[in-house]
Amino acid sequence: MNDQPNNPLHGVTLARMVEDLSDYYGWEELGRLIPVRCFTFEPSVSSSLKFLRKTPWAREKVEALYVHTLRLTR
């Protein structure tokens, strides 16, 4: 197993990131921070995961916001 002690995303699933971000910011604010339809129109974790798994640039934005949010809350 490859240990990655300096990688804050190691072991964190995309579903967990979306759930944590939506809990922390709320869907409305999350949609403002990352303006994609899955966050702004009838948002849900399920629809977000479908979109993010197919859209690398949006997933990168979610990952970056998640890392930024981790730093704010520590």
N, C-alpha and C. Protein backbone atom coordinates (compact mmCIF):
# COMPACT_ATOMS: atom_id res chain seq x y z
N MET A 1 0.84 -1.19 0.00
CA MET A 1 0.00 0.00 0.00
C MET A 1 0.88 1.24 0.00
N ASN A 2 0.50 2.22 -0.78
CA ASN A 2 1.26 3.45 -0.92
C ASN A 2 0.73 4.49 0.07
N ASP A 3 1.51 4.79 1.09
CA ASP A 3 1.10 5.81 2.06
C ASP A 3 1.34 7.20 1.50
N GLN A 4 0.40 8.08 1.75
CA GLN A 4 0.49 9.46 1.29
C GLN A 4 0.16 10.41 2.44
N PRO A 5 1.07 10.52 3.40
CA PRO A 5 0.76 11.31 4.59
C PRO A 5 0.54 12.80 4.33
N ASN A 6 1.07 13.33 3.24
CA ASN A 6 0.93 14.76 2.97
C ASN A 6 -0.20 15.08 1.99
N ASN A 7 -0.96 14.07 1.59
CA ASN A 7 -2.05 14.28 0.65
C ASN A 7 -3.37 14.36 1.44
N PRO A 8 -3.97 15.55 1.55
CA PRO A 8 -5.21 15.67 2.33
C PRO A 8 -6.40 14.94 1.71
N LEU A 9 -6.30 14.56 0.44
CA LEU A 9 -7.40 13.86 -0.22
C LEU A 9 -7.27 12.34 -0.13
N HIS A 10 -6.15 11.87 0.39
CA HIS A 10 -5.93 10.42 0.47
C HIS A 10 -6.99 9.77 1.35
N GLY A 11 -7.70 8.82 0.78
CA GLY A 11 -8.72 8.09 1.53
C GLY A 11 -10.08 8.76 1.59
N VAL A 12 -10.22 9.92 0.97
CA VAL A 12 -11.49 10.64 0.98
C VAL A 12 -12.20 10.40 -0.36
N THR A 13 -13.41 9.88 -0.29
CA THR A 13 -14.16 9.62 -1.52
C THR A 13 -14.78 10.91 -2.05
N LEU A 14 -15.10 10.90 -3.32
CA LEU A 14 -15.77 12.05 -3.93
C LEU A 14 -17.12 12.29 -3.26
N ALA A 15 -17.82 11.22 -2.94
CA ALA A 15 -19.11 11.35 -2.26
C ALA A 15 -18.94 12.06 -0.92
N ARG A 16 -17.91 11.70 -0.19
CA ARG A 16 -17.66 12.33 1.11
C ARG A 16 -17.36 13.82 0.94
N MET A 17 -16.58 14.16 -0.10
CA MET A 17 -16.27 15.57 -0.35
C MET A 17 -17.54 16.37 -0.63
N VAL A 18 -18.39 15.84 -1.50
CA VAL A 18 -19.63 16.54 -1.86
C VAL A 18 -20.54 16.67 -0.63
N GLU A 19 -20.67 15.61 0.15
CA GLU A 19 -21.50 15.66 1.35
C GLU A 19 -20.96 16.69 2.34
N ASP A 20 -19.66 16.66 2.59
CA ASP A 20 -19.06 17.60 3.55
C ASP A 20 -19.20 19.04 3.08
N LEU A 21 -18.95 19.27 1.79
CA LEU A 21 -19.05 20.64 1.27
C LEU A 21 -20.49 21.14 1.29
N SER A 22 -21.44 20.28 0.94
CA SER A 22 -22.84 20.72 0.96
C SER A 22 -23.31 20.95 2.40
N ASP A 23 -22.82 20.17 3.33
CA ASP A 23 -23.16 20.39 4.75
C ASP A 23 -22.56 21.70 5.26
N TYR A 24 -21.32 21.96 4.88
CA TYR A 24 -20.60 23.13 5.38
C TYR A 24 -21.12 24.43 4.75
N TYR A 25 -21.25 24.44 3.42
CA TYR A 25 -21.64 25.66 2.72
C TYR A 25 -23.13 25.76 2.40
N GLY A 26 -23.78 24.61 2.25
CA GLY A 26 -25.15 24.60 1.75
C GLY A 26 -25.10 24.60 0.23
N TRP A 27 -26.13 24.05 -0.40
CA TRP A 27 -26.13 23.94 -1.86
C TRP A 27 -26.07 25.29 -2.56
N GLU A 28 -26.77 26.28 -2.03
CA GLU A 28 -26.81 27.59 -2.68
C GLU A 28 -25.42 28.22 -2.74
N GLU A 29 -24.73 28.22 -1.63
CA GLU A 29 -23.38 28.80 -1.58
C GLU A 29 -22.40 27.95 -2.38
N LEU A 30 -22.55 26.64 -2.32
CA LEU A 30 -21.69 25.75 -3.11
C LEU A 30 -21.86 26.03 -4.60
N GLY A 31 -23.10 26.26 -5.02
CA GLY A 31 -23.37 26.61 -6.41
C GLY A 31 -22.82 27.96 -6.81
N ARG A 32 -22.71 28.86 -5.85
CA ARG A 32 -22.10 30.16 -6.12
C ARG A 32 -20.58 30.02 -6.25
N LEU A 33 -19.99 29.20 -5.39
CA LEU A 33 -18.54 29.01 -5.40
C LEU A 33 -18.06 28.21 -6.61
N ILE A 34 -18.85 27.19 -6.97
CA ILE A 34 -18.55 26.37 -8.15
C ILE A 34 -19.83 26.34 -8.98
N PRO A 35 -19.96 27.27 -9.92
CA PRO A 35 -21.23 27.41 -10.66
C PRO A 35 -21.44 26.33 -11.73
N VAL A 36 -21.88 25.18 -11.28
CA VAL A 36 -22.25 24.10 -12.19
C VAL A 36 -23.70 23.71 -11.88
N ARG A 37 -24.40 23.27 -12.88
CA ARG A 37 -25.83 23.00 -12.77
C ARG A 37 -26.16 21.98 -11.67
N CYS A 38 -25.31 21.00 -11.47
CA CYS A 38 -25.62 19.97 -10.46
C CYS A 38 -25.64 20.55 -9.04
N PHE A 39 -25.07 21.75 -8.85
CA PHE A 39 -25.11 22.41 -7.54
C PHE A 39 -26.17 23.50 -7.48
N THR A 40 -26.66 23.95 -8.64
CA THR A 40 -27.58 25.08 -8.65
C THR A 40 -29.02 24.72 -8.99
N PHE A 41 -29.25 23.63 -9.69
CA PHE A 41 -30.60 23.26 -10.10
C PHE A 41 -30.94 21.87 -9.56
N GLU A 42 -31.87 21.82 -8.61
CA GLU A 42 -32.26 20.57 -7.95
C GLU A 42 -31.04 19.75 -7.52
N PRO A 43 -30.19 20.33 -6.67
CA PRO A 43 -28.96 19.66 -6.29
C PRO A 43 -29.18 18.42 -5.43
N SER A 44 -28.35 17.44 -5.63
CA SER A 44 -28.32 16.25 -4.79
C SER A 44 -26.93 15.64 -4.89
N VAL A 45 -26.57 14.84 -3.92
CA VAL A 45 -25.28 14.18 -3.95
C VAL A 45 -25.21 13.26 -5.16
N SER A 46 -26.28 12.54 -5.43
CA SER A 46 -26.31 11.59 -6.54
C SER A 46 -26.08 12.28 -7.89
N SER A 47 -26.81 13.35 -8.17
CA SER A 47 -26.64 14.03 -9.45
C SER A 47 -25.25 14.67 -9.55
N SER A 48 -24.76 15.16 -8.43
CA SER A 48 -23.43 15.76 -8.42
C SER A 48 -22.36 14.73 -8.73
N LEU A 49 -22.46 13.56 -8.14
CA LEU A 49 -21.47 12.52 -8.39
C LEU A 49 -21.46 12.09 -9.84
N LYS A 50 -22.64 11.94 -10.44
CA LYS A 50 -22.71 11.58 -11.86
C LYS A 50 -21.95 12.59 -12.71
N PHE A 51 -22.21 13.87 -12.47
CA PHE A 51 -21.57 14.92 -13.25
C PHE A 51 -20.07 14.99 -12.98
N LEU A 52 -19.69 14.98 -11.72
CA LEU A 52 -18.28 15.15 -11.37
C LEU A 52 -17.41 13.99 -11.83
N ARG A 53 -17.96 12.80 -11.87
CA ARG A 53 -17.18 11.65 -12.33
C ARG A 53 -16.89 11.72 -13.83
N LYS A 54 -17.72 12.45 -14.56
CA LYS A 54 -17.54 12.58 -16.01
C LYS A 54 -16.84 13.88 -16.41
N THR A 55 -16.63 14.78 -15.46
CA THR A 55 -16.14 16.12 -15.78
C THR A 55 -14.91 16.45 -14.93
N PRO A 56 -13.72 16.14 -15.44
CA PRO A 56 -12.50 16.32 -14.65
C PRO A 56 -12.27 17.75 -14.14
N TRP A 57 -12.57 18.77 -14.95
CA TRP A 57 -12.31 20.14 -14.51
C TRP A 57 -13.18 20.51 -13.31
N ALA A 58 -14.43 20.03 -13.29
CA ALA A 58 -15.33 20.33 -12.18
C ALA A 58 -14.89 19.57 -10.93
N ARG A 59 -14.46 18.31 -11.12
CA ARG A 59 -13.98 17.53 -9.99
C ARG A 59 -12.76 18.20 -9.35
N GLU A 60 -11.86 18.72 -10.18
CA GLU A 60 -10.68 19.43 -9.66
C GLU A 60 -11.08 20.63 -8.82
N LYS A 61 -12.12 21.34 -9.25
CA LYS A 61 -12.60 22.50 -8.48
C LYS A 61 -13.17 22.05 -7.13
N VAL A 62 -13.89 20.94 -7.13
CA VAL A 62 -14.45 20.41 -5.88
C VAL A 62 -13.32 20.00 -4.95
N GLU A 63 -12.34 19.30 -5.48
CA GLU A 63 -11.20 18.87 -4.66
C GLU A 63 -10.45 20.06 -4.09
N ALA A 64 -10.24 21.09 -4.91
CA ALA A 64 -9.53 22.28 -4.43
C ALA A 64 -10.33 22.99 -3.33
N LEU A 65 -11.63 23.10 -3.51
CA LEU A 65 -12.46 23.73 -2.48
C LEU A 65 -12.45 22.90 -1.21
N TYR A 66 -12.48 21.60 -1.34
CA TYR A 66 -12.45 20.71 -0.18
C TYR A 66 -11.16 20.90 0.62
N VAL A 67 -10.02 20.93 -0.08
CA VAL A 67 -8.73 21.13 0.59
C VAL A 67 -8.70 22.51 1.26
N HIS A 68 -9.18 23.52 0.56
CA HIS A 68 -9.23 24.88 1.13
C HIS A 68 -10.10 24.90 2.40
N THR A 69 -11.23 24.24 2.33
CA THR A 69 -12.15 24.20 3.46
C THR A 69 -11.54 23.44 4.64
N LEU A 70 -10.81 22.37 4.36
CA LEU A 70 -10.12 21.64 5.43
C LEU A 70 -9.16 22.55 6.16
N ARG A 71 -8.43 23.35 5.41
CA ARG A 71 -7.47 24.27 6.03
C ARG A 71 -8.15 25.32 6.88
N LEU A 72 -9.34 25.77 6.45
CA LEU A 72 -10.08 26.77 7.22
C LEU A 72 -10.61 26.22 8.54
N THR A 73 -10.99 24.93 8.51
CA THR A 73 -11.63 24.36 9.69
C THR A 73 -10.66 23.71 10.68
N ARG A 74 -9.40 23.70 10.35
CA ARG A 74 -8.41 23.11 11.28
C ARG A 74 -7.81 24.13 12.17
